[in-house]
Protein backbone atom coordinates (compact mmCIF):
# COMPACT_ATOMS: atom_id res chain seq x y z
CA MET A 1 171.38 62.99 95.89
CA ALA A 2 171.71 65.42 98.80
CA THR A 3 175.57 65.17 98.60
CA LEU A 4 175.54 65.74 94.88
CA SER A 5 173.29 68.73 95.17
CA SER A 6 175.37 70.29 97.92
CA ALA A 7 178.53 69.67 95.89
CA THR A 8 177.17 71.35 92.77
CA GLY A 9 175.53 74.09 94.76
CA ARG A 10 172.18 73.59 93.07
CA ARG A 11 168.89 72.93 94.76
CA PRO A 12 167.01 69.83 93.73
CA ARG A 13 164.10 70.54 91.43
CA VAL A 14 160.67 70.15 92.91
CA ARG A 15 158.20 68.87 90.40
CA GLU A 16 155.13 71.04 90.27
CA THR A 17 151.94 69.14 90.74
CA ARG A 18 148.38 70.29 90.19
CA PRO A 19 145.99 70.06 93.13
CA ILE A 20 143.97 66.90 93.17
CA TRP A 21 140.40 67.31 94.46
CA VAL A 22 139.56 64.18 96.36
CA GLY A 23 136.09 63.59 97.70
CA LYS A 24 134.58 66.87 96.45
CA PRO A 25 134.01 68.51 93.07
CA SER A 26 136.32 71.13 91.65
CA PRO A 27 135.58 74.85 92.17
CA PRO A 28 134.08 75.31 88.66
CA VAL A 29 131.65 72.46 89.31
CA GLN A 30 130.73 73.91 92.70
CA ALA A 31 130.18 77.33 91.15
CA LEU A 32 127.94 75.79 88.49
CA LYS A 33 125.90 74.00 91.16
CA ILE A 34 125.47 77.23 93.12
CA ILE A 35 124.32 79.07 90.01
CA VAL A 36 121.81 76.35 89.17
CA ILE A 37 120.45 76.31 92.74
CA VAL A 38 120.11 80.10 92.75
CA LEU A 39 118.26 80.05 89.43
CA ILE A 40 115.88 77.34 90.63
CA THR A 41 115.26 79.28 93.86
CA VAL A 42 114.49 82.47 91.93
CA LEU A 43 112.14 80.61 89.59
CA MET A 44 110.30 79.14 92.58
CA LEU A 45 110.09 82.34 94.62
CA TYR A 46 109.19 84.75 91.83
CA PRO A 47 105.56 83.57 91.33
CA PHE A 48 104.86 83.68 95.06
CA LEU A 49 106.45 87.11 95.50
CA ASN A 50 104.50 88.35 92.50
CA VAL A 51 101.28 87.09 94.09
CA ILE A 52 102.05 89.00 97.29
CA ALA A 53 103.01 92.11 95.33
CA VAL A 54 99.81 92.13 93.26
CA SER A 55 97.65 91.52 96.32
CA LEU A 56 99.26 94.47 98.13
CA ALA A 57 99.47 96.80 95.13
CA ASP A 58 97.28 99.84 94.65
CA SER A 59 94.49 99.55 92.08
CA ALA A 60 96.41 101.76 89.66
CA GLU A 61 99.48 99.49 89.78
CA VAL A 62 97.81 96.13 89.29
CA GLY A 63 99.30 94.29 86.35
CA PHE A 64 102.71 95.93 86.45
CA GLY A 65 104.39 92.54 86.96
CA GLY A 66 106.96 93.71 89.48
CA LEU A 67 107.87 92.52 92.93
CA LEU A 68 107.75 95.81 94.86
CA PRO A 69 104.84 98.18 94.20
CA GLU A 70 105.34 101.87 94.88
CA ARG A 71 102.12 102.21 96.85
CA PHE A 72 100.93 99.45 99.14
CA SER A 73 97.26 98.88 99.82
CA LEU A 74 95.30 96.37 101.91
CA GLU A 75 92.13 97.09 99.96
CA ALA A 76 91.94 93.60 98.49
CA TYR A 77 92.29 91.89 101.88
CA THR A 78 89.76 94.13 103.61
CA SER A 79 87.34 93.60 100.74
CA ILE A 80 87.38 89.80 100.86
CA LEU A 81 87.35 89.67 104.66
CA ARG A 82 84.55 92.20 105.00
CA GLY A 83 81.80 89.92 103.73
CA GLY A 84 82.69 87.04 106.05
CA ILE A 85 82.60 84.22 103.49
CA VAL A 86 86.36 83.99 103.08
CA THR A 87 86.80 84.27 106.84
CA ARG A 88 84.28 81.47 107.40
CA ALA A 89 86.00 79.34 104.74
CA LEU A 90 89.34 79.86 106.47
CA LEU A 91 87.84 78.82 109.80
CA VAL A 92 86.30 75.74 108.18
CA SER A 93 89.63 74.75 106.66
CA ILE A 94 91.48 75.35 109.93
CA GLY A 95 88.95 73.29 111.88
CA VAL A 96 88.95 70.43 109.37
CA THR A 97 92.75 70.45 109.29
CA LEU A 98 93.18 70.40 113.07
CA VAL A 99 90.49 67.82 113.80
CA GLY A 100 91.34 65.67 110.78
CA THR A 101 95.08 65.68 111.48
CA ALA A 102 94.53 64.76 115.14
CA CYS A 103 92.11 61.93 114.31
CA SER A 104 94.31 60.63 111.50
CA MET A 105 97.42 60.62 113.66
CA VAL A 106 95.65 58.76 116.48
CA CYS A 107 94.16 56.12 114.16
CA THR A 108 97.24 55.73 111.96
CA SER A 109 99.74 55.45 114.82
CA MET A 110 97.60 52.97 116.75
CA MET A 111 96.99 50.83 113.69
CA ALA A 112 100.66 50.98 112.69
CA TYR A 113 101.74 49.83 116.13
CA GLY A 114 99.21 47.01 116.07
CA LEU A 115 100.45 45.86 112.67
CA THR A 116 103.98 45.51 114.03
CA ARG A 117 102.78 42.44 115.92
CA THR A 118 101.81 40.37 112.89
CA ALA A 119 103.75 37.42 114.34
CA ASP A 120 102.01 37.59 117.73
CA LEU A 121 98.38 38.30 116.88
CA PRO A 122 96.44 36.24 114.35
CA GLY A 123 94.85 38.15 111.48
CA MET A 124 97.23 41.12 111.64
CA ARG A 125 98.97 40.12 108.43
CA VAL A 126 95.64 39.95 106.59
CA ILE A 127 94.77 43.46 107.79
CA LEU A 128 98.19 44.65 106.62
CA TYR A 129 97.63 43.19 103.16
CA LEU A 130 94.19 44.80 102.98
CA ALA A 131 95.71 48.17 103.86
CA LEU A 132 98.40 47.74 101.21
CA PHE A 133 95.74 46.72 98.70
CA THR A 134 94.17 50.19 98.95
CA MET A 135 97.42 51.71 97.67
CA LEU A 136 96.93 49.92 94.36
CA PHE A 137 93.16 49.87 93.86
CA GLY A 138 90.40 52.30 94.79
CA ALA A 139 86.62 51.97 94.75
CA GLY A 140 86.09 54.96 92.46
CA MET A 141 84.16 58.20 92.67
CA ILE A 142 80.61 56.88 92.32
CA PRO A 143 80.89 54.06 94.92
CA ASN A 144 82.52 56.48 97.36
CA PHE A 145 79.73 59.00 96.83
CA LEU A 146 77.07 56.34 97.34
CA LEU A 147 78.81 55.20 100.52
CA ILE A 148 78.99 58.73 101.93
CA LYS A 149 75.35 59.29 101.01
CA SER A 150 74.20 56.03 102.61
CA LEU A 151 76.03 56.96 105.81
CA GLY A 152 74.25 60.31 105.93
CA LEU A 153 77.46 62.32 105.74
CA LEU A 154 76.54 64.63 102.87
CA ASP A 155 76.89 68.33 103.73
CA SER A 156 78.80 67.48 106.90
CA TYR A 157 82.35 68.21 107.95
CA ALA A 158 82.90 64.50 108.58
CA ALA A 159 82.66 63.92 104.83
CA MET A 160 85.93 65.83 104.43
CA ILE A 161 87.69 63.85 107.19
CA LEU A 162 86.53 60.24 107.24
CA PRO A 163 87.32 59.26 103.60
CA GLY A 164 91.00 60.07 104.11
CA LEU A 165 91.28 59.23 107.79
CA ILE A 166 94.09 56.69 107.30
CA SER A 167 96.59 56.87 104.45
CA ALA A 168 98.12 53.54 103.51
CA PHE A 169 101.44 55.18 102.64
CA ASN A 170 101.67 56.97 106.01
CA LEU A 171 100.64 53.75 107.72
CA VAL A 172 103.51 51.85 106.08
CA VAL A 173 106.03 54.57 106.97
CA LEU A 174 104.99 54.56 110.65
CA ARG A 175 104.91 50.77 110.83
CA ASN A 176 108.44 50.49 109.41
CA PHE A 177 109.69 53.03 111.91
CA TYR A 178 108.08 51.17 114.81
CA LEU A 179 109.71 47.96 113.61
CA GLN A 180 113.14 49.63 113.85
CA LEU A 181 112.73 50.47 117.53
CA PRO A 182 114.86 48.34 119.87
CA ARG A 183 112.86 45.32 120.92
CA GLU A 184 114.80 45.21 124.18
CA LEU A 185 113.04 48.37 125.40
CA ILE A 186 109.62 46.92 124.73
CA GLU A 187 110.48 43.57 126.29
CA ALA A 188 111.96 45.28 129.36
CA ALA A 189 108.80 47.36 129.76
CA ARG A 190 106.68 44.26 129.38
CA ILE A 191 108.73 42.49 132.07
CA ASP A 192 108.17 45.48 134.35
CA GLY A 193 104.44 44.97 133.99
CA CYS A 194 103.51 47.52 131.30
CA ASN A 195 100.65 46.66 129.01
CA ASP A 196 100.44 47.51 125.31
CA ARG A 197 98.80 50.88 125.92
CA GLN A 198 101.48 51.94 128.39
CA ILE A 199 104.25 50.75 126.08
CA PHE A 200 102.74 52.65 123.16
CA THR A 201 102.20 55.93 125.02
CA SER A 202 105.33 55.87 127.21
CA ILE A 203 107.96 54.34 124.92
CA VAL A 204 106.90 54.18 121.28
CA LEU A 205 105.40 57.65 120.87
CA PRO A 206 108.23 59.59 122.63
CA LEU A 207 110.79 57.83 120.43
CA SER A 208 108.91 58.63 117.21
CA LYS A 209 108.54 62.41 117.46
CA ALA A 210 110.40 63.07 114.21
CA VAL A 211 108.47 60.69 112.00
CA SER A 212 105.19 61.63 113.71
CA ALA A 213 105.81 65.30 112.95
CA VAL A 214 106.42 64.50 109.28
CA ILE A 215 103.30 62.33 109.01
CA ALA A 216 101.27 65.04 110.77
CA LEU A 217 102.54 67.55 108.21
CA PHE A 218 101.50 65.24 105.37
CA TYR A 219 98.02 64.89 106.83
CA ALA A 220 97.72 68.62 107.54
CA VAL A 221 98.66 69.58 103.99
CA GLY A 222 96.20 67.03 102.63
CA TYR A 223 93.31 68.26 104.76
CA TRP A 224 94.13 71.91 104.10
CA ASN A 225 94.13 71.30 100.34
CA THR A 226 90.81 69.44 100.44
CA PHE A 227 89.03 70.40 97.24
CA PHE A 228 87.63 67.45 95.30
CA THR A 229 86.16 65.80 98.38
CA ALA A 230 84.42 69.03 99.40
CA LEU A 231 83.26 69.59 95.83
CA LEU A 232 81.56 66.18 95.79
CA TYR A 233 80.06 66.02 99.26
CA ILE A 234 79.47 69.64 100.37
CA ASN A 235 76.58 71.52 98.76
CA ASP A 236 76.09 74.09 101.52
CA ALA A 237 78.19 77.17 100.68
CA THR A 238 78.52 78.04 104.35
CA LYS A 239 80.54 74.84 104.87
CA TRP A 240 82.91 75.32 101.97
CA PRO A 241 86.64 75.21 102.74
CA ILE A 242 89.01 77.87 101.47
CA GLN A 243 89.99 75.80 98.43
CA LEU A 244 86.47 75.94 96.97
CA VAL A 245 86.34 79.69 97.50
CA LEU A 246 89.78 79.95 95.92
CA ASN A 247 88.51 78.00 92.91
CA LEU A 248 85.56 80.36 92.64
CA TYR A 249 87.82 83.40 92.57
CA VAL A 250 90.84 82.27 90.57
CA VAL A 251 89.60 79.57 88.19
CA GLN A 252 86.05 80.73 87.51
CA GLY A 253 86.87 84.41 88.02
CA SER A 254 83.50 85.18 89.61
CA PRO A 255 83.62 86.49 93.19
CA MET A 256 80.71 85.63 95.43
CA PRO A 257 78.26 88.52 95.59
CA GLN A 258 77.97 88.34 99.38
CA ILE A 259 81.59 89.44 99.72
CA GLU A 260 81.24 92.80 98.01
CA ASP A 261 79.95 95.84 99.88
CA PRO A 262 77.56 97.94 97.72
CA ASN A 263 78.67 101.12 99.50
CA HIS A 264 82.35 100.51 98.82
CA THR A 265 84.22 100.56 95.53
CA PRO A 266 85.59 97.04 94.93
CA PRO A 267 89.30 96.61 94.20
CA GLN A 268 90.70 95.19 91.00
CA PRO A 269 89.79 91.52 90.38
CA GLU A 270 93.47 90.59 90.01
CA SER A 271 94.25 91.95 93.48
CA VAL A 272 91.32 90.06 94.99
CA GLN A 273 92.38 86.80 93.33
CA MET A 274 95.96 87.11 94.52
CA ALA A 275 94.81 88.03 98.04
CA VAL A 276 92.72 84.86 98.25
CA VAL A 277 95.69 82.83 96.98
CA ALA A 278 97.93 84.39 99.63
CA LEU A 279 95.44 83.63 102.40
CA ALA A 280 95.13 80.03 101.23
CA VAL A 281 98.90 79.47 101.21
CA LEU A 282 99.92 81.47 104.29
CA PRO A 283 98.87 79.03 107.07
CA ILE A 284 100.93 76.14 105.67
CA LEU A 285 103.92 78.45 105.20
CA LEU A 286 103.66 79.47 108.85
CA VAL A 287 103.48 75.88 110.12
CA TYR A 288 106.18 74.32 107.94
CA PRO A 289 109.24 76.10 109.48
CA PHE A 290 108.43 74.64 112.89
CA LEU A 291 108.37 71.09 111.47
CA GLN A 292 111.16 71.46 108.93
CA LYS A 293 113.87 70.23 111.34
CA TYR A 294 111.99 66.94 111.73
CA PHE A 295 111.30 66.53 108.02
CA THR A 296 114.52 64.96 106.74
CA LYS A 297 115.12 62.86 109.84
CA GLY A 298 111.56 61.60 109.93
CA VAL A 299 111.44 60.61 106.28
CA LEU A 300 114.79 58.80 106.42
CA THR A 301 114.12 56.95 109.67
CA GLY A 302 110.67 55.91 108.55
CA ALA A 303 111.63 54.89 105.03
CA ILE A 304 111.23 51.36 103.79
CA LYS A 305 114.50 49.50 104.11
CA GLY A 306 115.54 47.07 101.42
């Protein structure tokens, strides 16, 4: 073929071929995915940005529906923080979240590690089945209320912590992660003379930082969003978490009279509502970026394997 081509003086034809995309979608498909992701992001961010804009807008601009008011004002925030009720509710929610998350992590991690030894300790498998049973069936609202009342926990902060101290789902995730740890490390530590407490604190916990961070985030979000539990068990308004105050402002639309100052002109109700919403969401938004790097890794490593 080369001799024939050189003899005729013509170059051999090269057949044109279209590019074949192997292992990744074509550019039009990628562009469509980017457009869809951008639209979903805009739809998710717009309500939150609108909340911030309305809470910071001047009274004359409330209800304009935009994302950037011409005149900013902190009147709504100063109004709700002046009376002290929202501030106290924020402190109650922060305290319940910190104490509840710490207690839940201690109890859940210890119980999960104990349930990894179902083959060594008698009765562990029964306890595991009882914990899994709570994922399918619950006692109900009235029996739970009677239990809290009989324990003398009404109008106490413990009523917002103890009912959800251990989540069966989080327990299963931690237990499955502990089961995936190399048994050689634990056996080597046991040969060196370490007891179960030393193995748990020195080997198991340092190797489970990612999944522990994710479980802690789950517990923190749950305690911060405590509403129904506080609505049932807390009658004292001074012990209300921020979610009950948020319900009073946004859902019922009736601000608490202790918040308003009679010598000061109150801001627009819409600005006050959006300011309370922003204060209720802001703490979780500030904590999540620090735990986001552990989120994917922790969920995948602690997932249930088939």
